[in-house]
N, C-alpha and C. Protein backbone atom coordinates (compact mmCIF):
# COMPACT_ATOMS: atom_id res chain seq x y z
N UNK A 1 -30.13 9.60 -18.05
CA UNK A 1 -28.88 9.37 -19.18
C UNK A 1 -28.41 8.18 -19.42
N UNK A 2 -29.29 7.30 -20.64
CA UNK A 2 -28.85 6.24 -20.94
C UNK A 2 -27.48 6.02 -21.13
N UNK A 3 -26.59 4.69 -20.86
CA UNK A 3 -25.19 4.52 -21.40
C UNK A 3 -25.17 3.87 -22.57
N UNK A 4 -24.56 4.09 -23.18
CA UNK A 4 -23.62 3.40 -24.37
C UNK A 4 -22.35 2.62 -24.23
N UNK A 5 -22.68 1.55 -24.33
CA UNK A 5 -21.11 0.69 -24.15
C UNK A 5 -20.85 0.40 -25.55
N UNK A 6 -19.47 0.60 -25.83
CA UNK A 6 -18.99 0.97 -27.07
C UNK A 6 -17.81 0.53 -27.15
N UNK A 7 -17.12 0.22 -28.55
CA UNK A 7 -15.69 0.12 -28.52
C UNK A 7 -15.29 0.84 -29.82
N UNK A 8 -14.36 1.83 -29.87
CA UNK A 8 -14.28 3.09 -30.59
C UNK A 8 -14.03 2.70 -32.03
N UNK A 9 -13.18 1.26 -32.14
CA UNK A 9 -12.98 0.59 -33.58
C UNK A 9 -14.19 -0.20 -34.22
N UNK A 10 -15.16 -0.41 -33.44
CA UNK A 10 -16.20 -1.26 -34.12
C UNK A 10 -17.06 -0.61 -34.97
N UNK A 11 -17.18 -0.71 -36.27
CA UNK A 11 -17.97 -0.29 -37.26
C UNK A 11 -19.45 -0.17 -36.69
N UNK A 12 -19.87 -1.28 -36.15
CA UNK A 12 -21.12 -1.18 -35.53
C UNK A 12 -21.78 0.09 -34.18
N UNK A 13 -20.52 0.32 -33.78
CA UNK A 13 -20.64 1.33 -32.76
C UNK A 13 -20.75 2.67 -33.31
N UNK A 14 -19.67 2.65 -34.28
CA UNK A 14 -19.51 4.00 -35.09
C UNK A 14 -20.93 4.32 -35.68
N UNK A 15 -21.58 3.55 -36.15
CA UNK A 15 -23.05 3.65 -36.81
C UNK A 15 -24.00 4.03 -35.79
N UNK A 16 -24.20 3.39 -34.79
CA UNK A 16 -24.82 3.73 -33.76
C UNK A 16 -24.76 5.05 -33.10
N UNK A 17 -23.58 5.39 -32.83
CA UNK A 17 -23.29 6.69 -32.34
C UNK A 17 -23.39 7.72 -33.51
N UNK A 18 -23.30 7.73 -34.74
CA UNK A 18 -23.55 8.57 -35.60
C UNK A 18 -25.32 8.91 -35.57
N UNK A 19 -25.75 7.69 -35.78
CA UNK A 19 -27.34 7.83 -35.76
C UNK A 19 -27.95 8.44 -34.49
N UNK A 20 -27.55 8.19 -33.45
CA UNK A 20 -27.68 9.13 -32.06
C UNK A 20 -27.39 10.24 -32.19
N UNK A 21 -26.23 10.89 -32.73
CA UNK A 21 -25.94 12.15 -32.79
C UNK A 21 -27.03 12.89 -33.65
N UNK A 22 -27.11 12.07 -34.91
CA UNK A 22 -28.02 12.90 -36.04
C UNK A 22 -29.36 13.28 -35.34
N UNK A 23 -29.73 12.39 -34.52
CA UNK A 23 -31.02 12.72 -33.83
C UNK A 23 -31.11 13.58 -32.74
N UNK A 24 -29.82 14.02 -32.35
CA UNK A 24 -29.75 14.56 -31.03
C UNK A 24 -30.06 14.18 -29.66
N UNK A 25 -30.04 12.47 -29.88
CA UNK A 25 -30.03 12.08 -28.46
C UNK A 25 -29.00 12.13 -27.55
N UNK A 26 -29.03 12.20 -26.55
CA UNK A 26 -27.64 12.36 -25.45
C UNK A 26 -27.66 11.06 -24.72
N UNK A 27 -26.42 10.58 -25.00
CA UNK A 27 -26.15 9.32 -24.13
C UNK A 27 -24.64 9.52 -23.68
N UNK A 28 -24.49 8.71 -22.37
CA UNK A 28 -23.24 8.71 -21.79
C UNK A 28 -22.49 7.59 -22.50
N UNK A 29 -21.15 7.79 -23.06
CA UNK A 29 -20.26 6.59 -23.56
C UNK A 29 -19.36 6.27 -22.66
N UNK A 30 -19.64 4.66 -22.84
CA UNK A 30 -18.47 3.83 -21.88
C UNK A 30 -17.72 3.13 -22.74
N UNK A 31 -16.61 3.16 -22.77
CA UNK A 31 -15.78 2.50 -23.85
C UNK A 31 -15.61 1.01 -23.15
N UNK A 32 -15.59 0.13 -24.15
CA UNK A 32 -15.53 -1.41 -23.38
C UNK A 32 -14.65 -2.02 -24.35
N UNK A 33 -13.80 -2.55 -23.81
CA UNK A 33 -12.71 -3.30 -24.41
C UNK A 33 -13.06 -4.84 -24.48
N UNK A 34 -12.70 -5.67 -25.39
CA UNK A 34 -13.21 -6.89 -25.92
C UNK A 34 -12.80 -7.87 -24.84
N UNK A 35 -11.48 -7.47 -24.52
CA UNK A 35 -10.81 -8.57 -23.46
C UNK A 35 -11.16 -8.57 -22.12
N UNK A 36 -11.62 -7.32 -21.97
CA UNK A 36 -11.89 -7.34 -20.42
C UNK A 36 -13.76 -7.63 -20.00
N UNK A 37 -13.86 -8.28 -18.90
CA UNK A 37 -15.20 -8.49 -18.68
C UNK A 37 -16.01 -7.30 -18.12
N UNK A 38 -16.94 -7.34 -18.12
CA UNK A 38 -17.79 -6.25 -17.58
C UNK A 38 -18.41 -6.41 -16.08
N UNK A 39 -18.07 -6.21 -15.23
CA UNK A 39 -18.81 -6.51 -13.89
C UNK A 39 -20.22 -5.81 -13.43
N UNK A 40 -21.22 -6.80 -13.17
CA UNK A 40 -22.22 -6.37 -12.85
C UNK A 40 -22.52 -6.01 -11.49
N UNK A 41 -22.92 -4.56 -11.10
CA UNK A 41 -22.82 -4.47 -9.70
C UNK A 41 -24.35 -3.92 -9.55
């Protein structure tokens, strides 16, 4: 299952989540804060 990194208050993130849900596309949501750096493992 693909992972969607998003910020809940971002309008772009909301739009992408809306479109994905309308098409019935299942994704795993991972909330990302702008002030935290994502570590690649």
